[in-house]
C-alpha cells in the first residue's frame, strides 16, 4: 500500500511539472497572439486539467511585463515594471505558474503544489 501511495504521489508531481511547462508555453502563445495596440496585455490565465467538469489540477498563470507598453491591471504597478536601466531587459515577461491538485483528487496522501517562475522574451 505504501509503495502504491508513493508511486501515485510521484506520478502526480511529475504531471504537475509538465503542466507548468505547458502553461508557460501557452502563456507565451497568448502574449504573442494578443493585440497590445490598445495598451492592454494578458495578465492572468486560469485553466483546469483535464477539463472543467472533473479537474484534477488547477493551473494559475500570472504574467508581469518588463518594459512592454501595457496598462497595469488589478495588481497595479506589480503587473508592469518600467524602471529598467538596461535595454536588454525591455520586452521581457515574468511568468509565474502555480499548479495545484483539486480537493477531489483521489490516491494522494497530500496535495500536490508546484510553482514555476520564468523570464521569457515573447
PDB file of N, CA and C in Angstrom:
ATOM      1  N   UNK A   1       0.830  -1.198   0.000  1.00  0.00           N
ATOM      2  CA  UNK A   1       0.000   0.000   0.000  1.00  0.00           C
ATOM      3  C   UNK A   1       0.870   1.255   0.000  1.00  0.00           C
ATOM      4  N   UNK A   2       1.959   1.243   0.779  1.00  0.00           N
ATOM      5  CA  UNK A   2       2.858   2.399   0.833  1.00  0.00           C
ATOM      6  C   UNK A   2       3.521   2.644  -0.518  1.00  0.00           C
ATOM      7  N   UNK A   3       3.942   1.576  -1.181  1.00  0.00           N
ATOM      8  CA  UNK A   3       4.576   1.707  -2.489  1.00  0.00           C
ATOM      9  C   UNK A   3       3.598   2.292  -3.503  1.00  0.00           C
ATOM     10  N   UNK A   4       2.376   1.868  -3.459  1.00  0.00           N
ATOM     11  CA  UNK A   4       1.351   2.395  -4.363  1.00  0.00           C
ATOM     12  C   UNK A   4       1.124   3.879  -4.116  1.00  0.00           C
ATOM     13  N   UNK A   5       1.070   4.274  -2.847  1.00  0.00           N
ATOM     14  CA  UNK A   5       0.885   5.678  -2.495  1.00  0.00           C
ATOM     15  C   UNK A   5       2.050   6.528  -2.990  1.00  0.00           C
ATOM     16  N   UNK A   6       3.268   6.071  -2.768  1.00  0.00           N
ATOM     17  CA  UNK A   6       4.456   6.813  -3.207  1.00  0.00           C
ATOM     18  C   UNK A   6       4.490   6.936  -4.728  1.00  0.00           C
ATOM     19  N   UNK A   7       4.152   5.851  -5.409  1.00  0.00           N
ATOM     20  CA  UNK A   7       4.139   5.873  -6.871  1.00  0.00           C
ATOM     21  C   UNK A   7       3.104   6.868  -7.375  1.00  0.00           C
ATOM     22  N   UNK A   8       1.939   6.886  -6.756  1.00  0.00           N
ATOM     23  CA  UNK A   8       0.893   7.846  -7.140  1.00  0.00           C
ATOM     24  C   UNK A   8       1.356   9.275  -6.910  1.00  0.00           C
ATOM     25  N   UNK A   9       1.977   9.522  -5.765  1.00  0.00           N
ATOM     26  CA  UNK A   9       2.463  10.865  -5.459  1.00  0.00           C
ATOM     27  C   UNK A   9       3.515  11.324  -6.472  1.00  0.00           C
ATOM     28  N   UNK A  10       4.419  10.448  -6.823  1.00  0.00           N
ATOM     29  CA  UNK A  10       5.453  10.781  -7.814  1.00  0.00           C
ATOM     30  C   UNK A  10       4.816  11.064  -9.165  1.00  0.00           C
ATOM     31  N   UNK A  11       3.837  10.252  -9.540  1.00  0.00           N
ATOM     32  CA  UNK A  11       3.138  10.433 -10.813  1.00  0.00           C
ATOM     33  C   UNK A  11       2.462  11.808 -10.868  1.00  0.00           C
ATOM     34  N   UNK A  12       1.713  12.170  -9.807  1.00  0.00           N
ATOM     35  CA  UNK A  12       1.014  13.451  -9.787  1.00  0.00           C
ATOM     36  C   UNK A  12       2.002  14.619  -9.762  1.00  0.00           C
ATOM     37  N   UNK A  13       3.114  14.465  -9.063  1.00  0.00           N
ATOM     38  CA  UNK A  13       4.133  15.526  -9.006  1.00  0.00           C
ATOM     39  C   UNK A  13       4.760  15.744 -10.383  1.00  0.00           C
ATOM     40  N   UNK A  14       5.108  14.674 -11.071  1.00  0.00           N
ATOM     41  CA  UNK A  14       5.686  14.792 -12.411  1.00  0.00           C
ATOM     42  C   UNK A  14       4.692  15.397 -13.393  1.00  0.00           C
ATOM     43  N   UNK A  15       3.442  15.026 -13.269  1.00  0.00           N
ATOM     44  CA  UNK A  15       2.420  15.584 -14.140  1.00  0.00           C
ATOM     45  C   UNK A  15       2.266  17.092 -13.883  1.00  0.00           C
ATOM     46  N   UNK A  16       2.375  17.510 -12.628  1.00  0.00           N
ATOM     47  CA  UNK A  16       2.309  18.932 -12.288  1.00  0.00           C
ATOM     48  C   UNK A  16       3.468  19.696 -12.924  1.00  0.00           C
ATOM     49  N   UNK A  17       4.666  19.102 -12.932  1.00  0.00           N
ATOM     50  CA  UNK A  17       5.831  19.738 -13.566  1.00  0.00           C
ATOM     51  C   UNK A  17       5.578  19.939 -15.055  1.00  0.00           C
ATOM     52  N   UNK A  18       5.065  18.912 -15.715  1.00  0.00           N
ATOM     53  CA  UNK A  18       4.791  19.001 -17.149  1.00  0.00           C
ATOM     54  C   UNK A  18       3.693  20.014 -17.447  1.00  0.00           C
ATOM     55  N   UNK A  19       2.665  20.076 -16.612  1.00  0.00           N
ATOM     56  CA  UNK A  19       1.610  21.062 -16.795  1.00  0.00           C
ATOM     57  C   UNK A  19       2.142  22.484 -16.643  1.00  0.00           C
ATOM     58  N   UNK A  20       3.070  22.687 -15.723  1.00  0.00           N
ATOM     59  CA  UNK A  20       3.664  24.011 -15.538  1.00  0.00           C
ATOM     60  C   UNK A  20       4.455  24.435 -16.777  1.00  0.00           C
ATOM     61  N   UNK A  21       5.204  23.503 -17.356  1.00  0.00           N
ATOM     62  CA  UNK A  21       5.926  23.813 -18.586  1.00  0.00           C
ATOM     63  C   UNK A  21       4.962  24.151 -19.715  1.00  0.00           C
ATOM     64  N   UNK A  22       3.906  23.371 -19.844  1.00  0.00           N
ATOM     65  CA  UNK A  22       2.906  23.616 -20.882  1.00  0.00           C
ATOM     66  C   UNK A  22       2.199  24.952 -20.671  1.00  0.00           C
ATOM     67  N   UNK A  23       1.900  25.286 -19.426  1.00  0.00           N
ATOM     68  CA  UNK A  23       1.231  26.553 -19.130  1.00  0.00           C
ATOM     69  C   UNK A  23       2.124  27.737 -19.478  1.00  0.00           C
ATOM     70  N   UNK A  24       3.428  27.588 -19.277  1.00  0.00           N
ATOM     71  CA  UNK A  24       4.366  28.647 -19.655  1.00  0.00           C
ATOM     72  C   UNK A  24       4.353  28.854 -21.164  1.00  0.00           C
ATOM     73  N   UNK A  25       4.380  27.758 -21.917  1.00  0.00           N
ATOM     74  CA  UNK A  25       4.336  27.855 -23.378  1.00  0.00           C
ATOM     75  C   UNK A  25       3.008  28.452 -23.848  1.00  0.00           C
ATOM     76  N   UNK A  26       1.916  28.074 -23.191  1.00  0.00           N
ATOM     77  CA  UNK A  26       0.613  28.625 -23.544  1.00  0.00           C
ATOM     78  C   UNK A  26       0.564  30.123 -23.256  1.00  0.00           C
ATOM     79  N   UNK A  27       1.173  30.548 -22.146  1.00  0.00           N
ATOM     80  CA  UNK A  27       1.218  31.970 -21.818  1.00  0.00           C
ATOM     81  C   UNK A  27       1.981  32.742 -22.897  1.00  0.00           C
ATOM     82  N   UNK A  28       3.093  32.176 -23.354  1.00  0.00           N
ATOM     83  CA  UNK A  28       3.858  32.826 -24.426  1.00  0.00           C
ATOM     84  C   UNK A  28       3.034  32.926 -25.700  1.00  0.00           C
ATOM     85  N   UNK A  29       2.307  31.876 -26.021  1.00  0.00           N
ATOM     86  CA  UNK A  29       1.428  31.892 -27.195  1.00  0.00           C
ATOM     87  C   UNK A  29       0.336  32.955 -27.039  1.00  0.00           C
ATOM     88  N   UNK A  30      -0.241  33.046 -25.852  1.00  0.00           N
ATOM     89  CA  UNK A  30      -1.287  34.042 -25.593  1.00  0.00           C
ATOM     90  C   UNK A  30      -0.743  35.463 -25.704  1.00  0.00           C
ATOM     91  N   UNK A  31       0.460  35.685 -25.185  1.00  0.00           N
ATOM     92  CA  UNK A  31       1.086  37.007 -25.277  1.00  0.00           C
ATOM     93  C   UNK A  31       1.335  37.363 -26.737  1.00  0.00           C
ATOM     94  N   UNK A  32       1.857  36.421 -27.496  1.00  0.00           N
ATOM     95  CA  UNK A  32       2.180  36.667 -28.901  1.00  0.00           C
ATOM     96  C   UNK A  32       0.934  36.934 -29.739  1.00  0.00           C
ATOM     97  N   UNK A  33      -0.166  36.260 -29.417  1.00  0.00           N
ATOM     98  CA  UNK A  33      -1.384  36.406 -30.196  1.00  0.00           C
ATOM     99  C   UNK A  33      -2.273  37.559 -29.759  1.00  0.00           C
ATOM    100  N   UNK A  34      -1.908  38.240 -28.678  1.00  0.00           N
ATOM    101  CA  UNK A  34      -2.745  39.320 -28.137  1.00  0.00           C
ATOM    102  C   UNK A  34      -2.369  40.651 -28.778  1.00  0.00           C
ATOM    103  N   UNK A  35      -3.378  41.418 -29.169  1.00  0.00           N
ATOM    104  CA  UNK A  35      -3.165  42.739 -29.759  1.00  0.00           C
ATOM    105  C   UNK A  35      -2.944  43.755 -28.633  1.00  0.00           C
ATOM    106  N   UNK A  36      -1.719  44.252 -28.506  1.00  0.00           N
ATOM    107  CA  UNK A  36      -1.376  45.210 -27.456  1.00  0.00           C
ATOM    108  C   UNK A  36      -1.509  46.655 -27.921  1.00  0.00           C
ATOM    109  N   UNK A  37      -2.090  46.874 -29.089  1.00  0.00           N
ATOM    110  CA  UNK A  37      -2.161  48.237 -29.617  1.00  0.00           C
ATOM    111  C   UNK A  37      -2.980  49.163 -28.712  1.00  0.00           C
ATOM    112  N   UNK A  38      -3.908  48.627 -27.958  1.00  0.00           N
ATOM    113  CA  UNK A  38      -4.696  49.434 -27.024  1.00  0.00           C
ATOM    114  C   UNK A  38      -4.019  49.639 -25.691  1.00  0.00           C
ATOM    115  N   UNK A  39      -2.823  49.079 -25.521  1.00  0.00           N
ATOM    116  CA  UNK A  39      -2.092  49.224 -24.270  1.00  0.00           C
ATOM    117  C   UNK A  39      -2.446  48.196 -23.218  1.00  0.00           C
ATOM    118  N   UNK A  40      -3.254  47.177 -23.574  1.00  0.00           N
ATOM    119  CA  UNK A  40      -3.604  46.140 -22.608  1.00  0.00           C
ATOM    120  C   UNK A  40      -2.821  44.862 -22.908  1.00  0.00           C
ATOM    121  N   UNK A  41      -2.609  44.077 -21.905  1.00  0.00           N
ATOM    122  CA  UNK A  41      -1.857  42.830 -22.052  1.00  0.00           C
ATOM    123  C   UNK A  41      -2.541  41.693 -21.306  1.00  0.00           C
ATOM    124  N   UNK A  42      -2.219  40.472 -21.689  1.00  0.00           N
ATOM    125  CA  UNK A  42      -2.687  39.290 -20.966  1.00  0.00           C
ATOM    126  C   UNK A  42      -1.945  39.261 -19.632  1.00  0.00           C
ATOM    127  N   UNK A  43      -2.695  39.179 -18.535  1.00  0.00           N
ATOM    128  CA  UNK A  43      -2.059  39.207 -17.224  1.00  0.00           C
ATOM    129  C   UNK A  43      -2.365  37.989 -16.369  1.00  0.00           C
ATOM    130  N   UNK A  44      -3.468  37.303 -16.655  1.00  0.00           N
ATOM    131  CA  UNK A  44      -3.867  36.151 -15.843  1.00  0.00           C
ATOM    132  C   UNK A  44      -4.508  35.101 -16.736  1.00  0.00           C
ATOM    133  N   UNK A  45      -4.104  33.845 -16.559  1.00  0.00           N
ATOM    134  CA  UNK A  45      -4.713  32.721 -17.264  1.00  0.00           C
ATOM    135  C   UNK A  45      -4.969  31.638 -16.225  1.00  0.00           C
ATOM    136  N   UNK A  46      -6.200  31.162 -16.152  1.00  0.00           N
ATOM    137  CA  UNK A  46      -6.542  30.069 -15.244  1.00  0.00           C
ATOM    138  C   UNK A  46      -7.143  28.941 -16.063  1.00  0.00           C
ATOM    139  N   UNK A  47      -6.661  27.734 -15.820  1.00  0.00           N
ATOM    140  CA  UNK A  47      -7.212  26.578 -16.527  1.00  0.00           C
ATOM    141  C   UNK A  47      -7.283  25.395 -15.574  1.00  0.00           C
ATOM    142  N   UNK A  48      -8.033  24.389 -16.002  1.00  0.00           N
ATOM    143  CA  UNK A  48      -8.182  23.163 -15.210  1.00  0.00           C
ATOM    144  C   UNK A  48      -7.882  21.981 -16.101  1.00  0.00           C
ATOM    145  N   UNK A  49      -7.209  20.994 -15.529  1.00  0.00           N
ATOM    146  CA  UNK A  49      -6.828  19.805 -16.289  1.00  0.00           C
ATOM    147  C   UNK A  49      -7.421  18.577 -15.623  1.00  0.00           C
ATOM    148  N   UNK A  50      -8.004  17.648 -16.344  1.00  0.00           N
ATOM    149  CA  UNK A  50      -8.140  17.555 -17.795  1.00  0.00           C
ATOM    150  C   UNK A  50      -9.315  18.338 -18.354  1.00  0.00           C
ATOM    151  N   UNK A  51     -10.291  18.734 -17.518  1.00  0.00           N
ATOM    152  CA  UNK A  51     -11.418  19.526 -18.014  1.00  0.00           C
ATOM    153  C   UNK A  51     -12.028  20.285 -16.843  1.00  0.00           C
ATOM    154  N   UNK A  52     -12.999  21.146 -17.138  1.00  0.00           N
ATOM    155  CA  UNK A  52     -13.642  21.949 -16.092  1.00  0.00           C
ATOM    156  C   UNK A  52     -14.620  21.156 -15.234  1.00  0.00           C
ATOM    157  N   UNK A  53     -15.143  20.052 -15.779  1.00  0.00           N
ATOM    158  CA  UNK A  53     -16.146  19.272 -15.065  1.00  0.00           C
ATOM    159  C   UNK A  53     -15.533  18.449 -13.939  1.00  0.00           C
ATOM    160  N   UNK A  54     -14.461  17.719 -14.235  1.00  0.00           N
ATOM    161  CA  UNK A  54     -13.784  16.862 -13.258  1.00  0.00           C
ATOM    162  C   UNK A  54     -12.299  17.188 -13.204  1.00  0.00           C
ATOM    163  N   UNK A  55     -11.924  18.357 -12.717  1.00  0.00           N
ATOM    164  CA  UNK A  55     -10.499  18.716 -12.761  1.00  0.00           C
ATOM    165  C   UNK A  55      -9.671  17.968 -11.719  1.00  0.00           C
ATOM    166  N   UNK A  56      -8.484  17.605 -12.119  1.00  0.00           N
ATOM    167  CA  UNK A  56      -7.512  17.032 -11.188  1.00  0.00           C
ATOM    168  C   UNK A  56      -6.557  18.134 -10.732  1.00  0.00           C
ATOM    169  N   UNK A  57      -6.240  19.048 -11.654  1.00  0.00           N
ATOM    170  CA  UNK A  57      -5.321  20.153 -11.369  1.00  0.00           C
ATOM    171  C   UNK A  57      -5.969  21.488 -11.713  1.00  0.00           C
ATOM    172  N   UNK A  58      -5.587  22.501 -10.954  1.00  0.00           N
ATOM    173  CA  UNK A  58      -5.881  23.885 -11.300  1.00  0.00           C
ATOM    174  C   UNK A  58      -4.552  24.545 -11.620  1.00  0.00           C
ATOM    175  N   UNK A  59      -4.489  25.228 -12.763  1.00  0.00           N
ATOM    176  CA  UNK A  59      -3.263  25.866 -13.219  1.00  0.00           C
ATOM    177  C   UNK A  59      -3.523  27.373 -13.297  1.00  0.00           C
ATOM    178  N   UNK A  60      -2.856  28.139 -12.432  1.00  0.00           N
ATOM    179  CA  UNK A  60      -2.982  29.597 -12.413  1.00  0.00           C
ATOM    180  C   UNK A  60      -1.685  30.211 -12.916  1.00  0.00           C
ATOM    181  N   UNK A  61      -1.803  31.045 -13.945  1.00  0.00           N
ATOM    182  CA  UNK A  61      -0.644  31.693 -14.541  1.00  0.00           C
ATOM    183  C   UNK A  61      -0.788  33.196 -14.392  1.00  0.00           C
ATOM    184  N   UNK A  62       0.247  33.842 -13.867  1.00  0.00           N
ATOM    185  CA  UNK A  62       0.294  35.287 -13.708  1.00  0.00           C
ATOM    186  C   UNK A  62       1.459  35.813 -14.530  1.00  0.00           C
ATOM    187  N   UNK A  63       1.202  36.877 -15.292  1.00  0.00           N
ATOM    188  CA  UNK A  63       2.225  37.436 -16.171  1.00  0.00           C
ATOM    189  C   UNK A  63       2.454  38.896 -15.795  1.00  0.00           C
ATOM    190  N   UNK A  64       3.723  39.246 -15.597  1.00  0.00           N
ATOM    191  CA  UNK A  64       4.120  40.637 -15.357  1.00  0.00           C
ATOM    192  C   UNK A  64       5.067  41.023 -16.488  1.00  0.00           C
ATOM    193  N   UNK A  65       4.999  42.262 -16.902  1.00  0.00           N
ATOM    194  CA  UNK A  65       5.761  42.715 -18.064  1.00  0.00           C
ATOM    195  C   UNK A  65       6.864  43.676 -17.652  1.00  0.00           C
ATOM    196  N   UNK A  66       7.990  43.543 -18.311  1.00  0.00           N
ATOM    197  CA  UNK A  66       9.123  44.421 -18.068  1.00  0.00           C
ATOM    198  C   UNK A  66       9.394  45.187 -19.361  1.00  0.00           C
ATOM    199  N   UNK A  67       9.054  46.466 -19.366  1.00  0.00           N
ATOM    200  CA  UNK A  67       9.361  47.320 -20.500  1.00  0.00           C
ATOM    201  C   UNK A  67       8.437  47.200 -21.690  1.00  0.00           C
ATOM    202  N   UNK A  68       7.336  46.480 -21.589  1.00  0.00           N
ATOM    203  CA  UNK A  68       6.356  46.442 -22.674  1.00  0.00           C
ATOM    204  C   UNK A  68       5.273  47.462 -22.392  1.00  0.00           C
ATOM    205  N   UNK A  69       4.684  47.993 -23.438  1.00  0.00           N
ATOM    206  CA  UNK A  69       3.640  49.002 -23.296  1.00  0.00           C
ATOM    207  C   UNK A  69       2.340  48.327 -22.894  1.00  0.00           C
ATOM    208  N   UNK A  70       2.073  48.285 -21.585  1.00  0.00           N
ATOM    209  CA  UNK A  70       0.859  47.649 -21.061  1.00  0.00           C
ATOM    210  C   UNK A  70       0.261  48.521 -19.978  1.00  0.00           C
ATOM    211  N   UNK A  71      -1.042  48.512 -19.904  1.00  0.00           N
ATOM    212  CA  UNK A  71      -1.723  49.198 -18.828  1.00  0.00           C
ATOM    213  C   UNK A  71      -1.744  48.275 -17.618  1.00  0.00           C
ATOM    214  N   UNK A  72      -1.311  48.746 -16.451  1.00  0.00           N
ATOM    215  CA  UNK A  72      -1.361  47.884 -15.269  1.00  0.00           C
ATOM    216  C   UNK A  72      -2.773  47.420 -14.978  1.00  0.00           C
ATOM    217  N   UNK A  73      -2.891  46.154 -14.544  1.00  0.00           N
ATOM    218  CA  UNK A  73      -4.201  45.578 -14.254  1.00  0.00           C
ATOM    219  C   UNK A  73      -4.596  45.786 -12.815  1.00  0.00           C
ATOM    220  N   UNK A  74      -5.368  44.837 -12.298  1.00  0.00           N
ATOM    221  CA  UNK A  74      -5.872  44.943 -10.936  1.00  0.00           C
ATOM    222  C   UNK A  74      -4.735  44.947  -9.923  1.00  0.00           C
ATOM    223  N   UNK A  75      -3.586  44.351 -10.305  1.00  0.00           N
ATOM    224  CA  UNK A  75      -2.437  44.327  -9.407  1.00  0.00           C
ATOM    225  C   UNK A  75      -1.698  45.641  -9.355  1.00  0.00           C
ATOM    226  N   UNK A  76      -2.110  46.609 -10.165  1.00  0.00           N
ATOM    227  CA  UNK A  76      -1.462  47.919 -10.168  1.00  0.00           C
ATOM    228  C   UNK A  76      -0.054  47.834 -10.719  1.00  0.00           C
ATOM    229  N   UNK A  77       0.841  48.518 -10.075  1.00  0.00           N
ATOM    230  CA  UNK A  77       2.219  48.591 -10.555  1.00  0.00           C
ATOM    231  C   UNK A  77       2.916  47.236 -10.545  1.00  0.00           C
ATOM    232  N   UNK A  78       2.402  46.278  -9.797  1.00  0.00           N
ATOM    233  CA  UNK A  78       3.030  44.959  -9.737  1.00  0.00           C
ATOM    234  C   UNK A  78       2.932  44.216 -11.064  1.00  0.00           C
ATOM    235  N   UNK A  79       1.956  44.579 -11.922  1.00  0.00           N
ATOM    236  CA  UNK A  79       1.780  43.911 -13.206  1.00  0.00           C
ATOM    237  C   UNK A  79       2.695  44.462 -14.293  1.00  0.00           C
ATOM    238  N   UNK A  80       3.256  45.639 -14.074  1.00  0.00           N
ATOM    239  CA  UNK A  80       4.073  46.275 -15.101  1.00  0.00           C
ATOM    240  C   UNK A  80       5.285  46.918 -14.443  1.00  0.00           C
ATOM    241  N   UNK A  81       6.451  46.578 -14.928  1.00  0.00           N
ATOM    242  CA  UNK A  81       7.697  47.093 -14.377  1.00  0.00           C
ATOM    243  C   UNK A  81       8.341  47.970 -15.441  1.00  0.00           C
ATOM    244  N   UNK A  82       8.504  49.259 -15.163  1.00  0.00           N
ATOM    245  CA  UNK A  82       9.101  50.138 -16.165  1.00  0.00           C
ATOM    246  C   UNK A  82      10.324  50.888 -15.660  1.00  0.00           C
ATOM    247  N   UNK A  83      10.868  50.445 -14.536  1.00  0.00           N
ATOM    248  CA  UNK A  83      12.080  51.075 -14.003  1.00  0.00           C
ATOM    249  C   UNK A  83      13.291  50.251 -14.408  1.00  0.00           C
ATOM    250  N   UNK A  84      13.579  50.248 -15.696  1.00  0.00           N
ATOM    251  CA  UNK A  84      14.645  49.409 -16.241  1.00  0.00           C
ATOM    252  C   UNK A  84      15.839  50.272 -16.585  1.00  0.00           C
ATOM    253  N   UNK A  85      17.005  49.753 -16.312  1.00  0.00           N
ATOM    254  CA  UNK A  85      18.211  50.511 -16.628  1.00  0.00           C
ATOM    255  C   UNK A  85      18.967  49.929 -17.812  1.00  0.00           C
ATOM    256  N   UNK A  86      18.639  48.707 -18.229  1.00  0.00           N
ATOM    257  CA  UNK A  86      19.337  48.093 -19.361  1.00  0.00           C
ATOM    258  C   UNK A  86      18.375  47.845 -20.515  1.00  0.00           C
ATOM    259  N   UNK A  87      18.770  48.189 -21.735  1.00  0.00           N
ATOM    260  CA  UNK A  87      17.879  47.971 -22.876  1.00  0.00           C
ATOM    261  C   UNK A  87      17.619  46.495 -23.156  1.00  0.00           C
ATOM    262  N   UNK A  88      18.507  45.604 -22.718  1.00  0.00           N
ATOM    263  CA  UNK A  88      18.321  44.175 -22.950  1.00  0.00           C
ATOM    264  C   UNK A  88      17.109  43.627 -22.217  1.00  0.00           C
ATOM    265  N   UNK A  89      16.711  44.268 -21.138  1.00  0.00           N
ATOM    266  CA  UNK A  89      15.570  43.788 -20.340  1.00  0.00           C
ATOM    267  C   UNK A  89      14.231  44.194 -20.922  1.00  0.00           C
ATOM    268  N   UNK A  90      14.204  45.187 -21.799  1.00  0.00           N
ATOM    269  CA  UNK A  90      12.931  45.628 -22.386  1.00  0.00           C
ATOM    270  C   UNK A  90      12.263  44.484 -23.131  1.00  0.00           C
ATOM    271  N   UNK A  91      10.954  44.386 -22.974  1.00  0.00           N
ATOM    272  CA  UNK A  91      10.192  43.366 -23.687  1.00  0.00           C
ATOM    273  C   UNK A  91      10.248  41.990 -23.058  1.00  0.00           C
ATOM    274  N   UNK A  92      10.516  41.918 -21.772  1.00  0.00           N
ATOM    275  CA  UNK A  92      10.591  40.644 -21.063  1.00  0.00           C
ATOM    276  C   UNK A  92       9.304  40.413 -20.276  1.00  0.00           C
ATOM    277  N   UNK A  93       8.908  39.157 -20.157  1.00  0.00           N
ATOM    278  CA  UNK A  93       7.731  38.804 -19.363  1.00  0.00           C
ATOM    279  C   UNK A  93       8.163  37.877 -18.227  1.00  0.00           C
ATOM    280  N   UNK A  94       7.718  38.185 -17.035  1.00  0.00           N
ATOM    281  CA  UNK A  94       7.939  37.347 -15.864  1.00  0.00           C
ATOM    282  C   UNK A  94       6.680  36.505 -15.703  1.00  0.00           C
ATOM    283  N   UNK A  95       6.822  35.188 -15.866  1.00  0.00           N
ATOM    284  CA  UNK A  95       5.671  34.284 -15.857  1.00  0.00           C
ATOM    285  C   UNK A  95       5.744  33.370 -14.629  1.00  0.00           C
ATOM    286  N   UNK A  96       4.711  33.458 -13.788  1.00  0.00           N
ATOM    287  CA  UNK A  96       4.581  32.583 -12.619  1.00  0.00           C
ATOM    288  C   UNK A  96       3.445  31.614 -12.876  1.00  0.00           C
ATOM    289  N   UNK A  97       3.737  30.323 -12.727  1.00  0.00           N
ATOM    290  CA  UNK A  97       2.725  29.285 -12.909  1.00  0.00           C
ATOM    291  C   UNK A  97       2.600  28.510 -11.605  1.00  0.00           C
ATOM    292  N   UNK A  98       1.363  28.380 -11.116  1.00  0.00           N
ATOM    293  CA  UNK A  98       1.067  27.619  -9.911  1.00  0.00           C
ATOM    294  C   UNK A  98       0.158  26.460 -10.296  1.00  0.00           C
ATOM    295  N   UNK A  99       0.605  25.237 -10.046  1.00  0.00           N
ATOM    296  CA  UNK A  99      -0.186  24.040 -10.333  1.00  0.00           C
ATOM    297  C   UNK A  99      -0.518  23.382  -8.998  1.00  0.00           C
ATOM    298  N   UNK A 100      -1.817  23.161  -8.754  1.00  0.00           N
ATOM    299  CA  UNK A 100      -2.249  22.505  -7.518  1.00  0.00           C
ATOM    300  C   UNK A 100      -3.293  21.451  -7.836  1.00  0.00           C
ATOM    301  N   UNK A 101      -3.277  20.389  -7.057  1.00  0.00           N
ATOM    302  CA  UNK A 101      -4.314  19.369  -7.218  1.00  0.00           C
ATOM    303  C   UNK A 101      -5.587  19.875  -6.560  1.00  0.00           C
ATOM    304  N   UNK A 102      -6.714  19.429  -7.095  1.00  0.00           N
ATOM    305  CA  UNK A 102      -8.001  19.826  -6.520  1.00  0.00           C
ATOM    306  C   UNK A 102      -8.327  18.930  -5.333  1.00  0.00           C
ATOM    307  N   UNK A 103      -9.324  19.337  -4.585  1.00  0.00           N
ATOM    308  CA  UNK A 103      -9.711  18.572  -3.390  1.00  0.00           C
ATOM    309  C   UNK A 103     -10.252  17.195  -3.751  1.00  0.00           C
ATOM    310  N   UNK A 104     -10.756  17.041  -4.964  1.00  0.00           N
ATOM    311  CA  UNK A 104     -11.386  15.780  -5.363  1.00  0.00           C
ATOM    312  C   UNK A 104     -10.386  14.734  -5.865  1.00  0.00           C
ATOM    313  N   UNK A 105      -9.098  15.030  -5.852  1.00  0.00           N
ATOM    314  CA  UNK A 105      -8.106  14.099  -6.369  1.00  0.00           C
ATOM    315  C   UNK A 105      -7.925  12.937  -5.403  1.00  0.00           C
ATOM    316  N   UNK A 106      -8.213  11.744  -5.878  1.00  0.00           N
ATOM    317  CA  UNK A 106      -8.078  10.540  -5.051  1.00  0.00           C
ATOM    318  C   UNK A 106      -6.701   9.931  -5.233  1.00  0.00           C
ATOM    319  N   UNK A 107      -6.254   9.171  -4.264  1.00  0.00           N
ATOM    320  CA  UNK A 107      -4.989   8.460  -4.368  1.00  0.00           C
ATOM    321  C   UNK A 107      -3.790   9.255  -3.893  1.00  0.00           C
ATOM    322  N   UNK A 108      -3.994  10.461  -3.377  1.00  0.00           N
ATOM    323  CA  UNK A 108      -2.884  11.265  -2.884  1.00  0.00           C
ATOM    324  C   UNK A 108      -2.876  11.290  -1.364  1.00  0.00           C
ATOM    325  N   UNK A 109      -1.695  11.128  -0.790  1.00  0.00           N
ATOM    326  CA  UNK A 109      -1.602  11.223   0.661  1.00  0.00           C
ATOM    327  C   UNK A 109      -1.556  12.685   1.098  1.00  0.00           C
ATOM    328  N   UNK A 110      -1.135  13.578   0.202  1.00  0.00           N
ATOM    329  CA  UNK A 110      -1.135  15.014   0.469  1.00  0.00           C
ATOM    330  C   UNK A 110      -1.284  15.751  -0.859  1.00  0.00           C
ATOM    331  N   UNK A 111      -1.792  16.979  -0.842  1.00  0.00           N
ATOM    332  CA  UNK A 111      -1.994  17.713  -2.098  1.00  0.00           C
ATOM    333  C   UNK A 111      -0.654  18.028  -2.775  1.00  0.00           C
ATOM    334  N   UNK A 112      -0.688  18.113  -4.088  1.00  0.00           N
ATOM    335  CA  UNK A 112       0.497  18.470  -4.863  1.00  0.00           C
ATOM    336  C   UNK A 112       0.404  19.945  -5.196  1.00  0.00           C
ATOM    337  N   UNK A 113       1.473  20.664  -4.907  1.00  0.00           N
ATOM    338  CA  UNK A 113       1.581  22.084  -5.263  1.00  0.00           C
ATOM    339  C   UNK A 113       2.928  22.289  -5.922  1.00  0.00           C
ATOM    340  N   UNK A 114       2.913  22.977  -7.067  1.00  0.00           N
ATOM    341  CA  UNK A 114       4.162  23.219  -7.785  1.00  0.00           C
ATOM    342  C   UNK A 114       4.146  24.641  -8.337  1.00  0.00           C
ATOM    343  N   UNK A 115       5.268  25.346  -8.184  1.00  0.00           N
ATOM    344  CA  UNK A 115       5.403  26.712  -8.678  1.00  0.00           C
ATOM    345  C   UNK A 115       6.584  26.764  -9.645  1.00  0.00           C
ATOM    346  N   UNK A 116       6.368  27.425 -10.781  1.00  0.00           N
ATOM    347  CA  UNK A 116       7.441  27.598 -11.774  1.00  0.00           C
ATOM    348  C   UNK A 116       7.478  29.064 -12.161  1.00  0.00           C
ATOM    349  N   UNK A 117       8.660  29.694 -12.065  1.00  0.00           N
ATOM    350  CA  UNK A 117       8.844  31.100 -12.465  1.00  0.00           C
ATOM    351  C   UNK A 117       9.870  31.141 -13.580  1.00  0.00           C
ATOM    352  N   UNK A 118       9.523  31.857 -14.654  1.00  0.00           N
ATOM    353  CA  UNK A 118      10.456  32.003 -15.762  1.00  0.00           C
ATOM    354  C   UNK A 118      10.432  33.426 -16.276  1.00  0.00           C
ATOM    355  N   UNK A 119      11.564  33.847 -16.816  1.00  0.00           N
ATOM    356  CA  UNK A 119      11.675  35.096 -17.552  1.00  0.00           C
ATOM    357  C   UNK A 119      11.726  34.722 -19.029  1.00  0.00           C
ATOM    358  N   UNK A 120      10.842  35.313 -19.810  1.00  0.00           N
ATOM    359  CA  UNK A 120      10.753  34.968 -21.229  1.00  0.00           C
ATOM    360  C   UNK A 120      10.755  36.237 -22.072  1.00  0.00           C
ATOM    361  N   UNK A 121      11.226  36.089 -23.292  1.00  0.00           N
ATOM    362  CA  UNK A 121      11.151  37.156 -24.288  1.00  0.00           C
ATOM    363  C   UNK A 121      10.079  36.757 -25.295  1.00  0.00           C
ATOM    364  N   UNK A 122       8.848  37.273 -25.154  1.00  0.00           N
ATOM    365  CA  UNK A 122       7.789  36.878 -26.086  1.00  0.00           C
ATOM    366  C   UNK A 122       7.997  37.453 -27.489  1.00  0.00           C
TER     367      UNK A 122
END
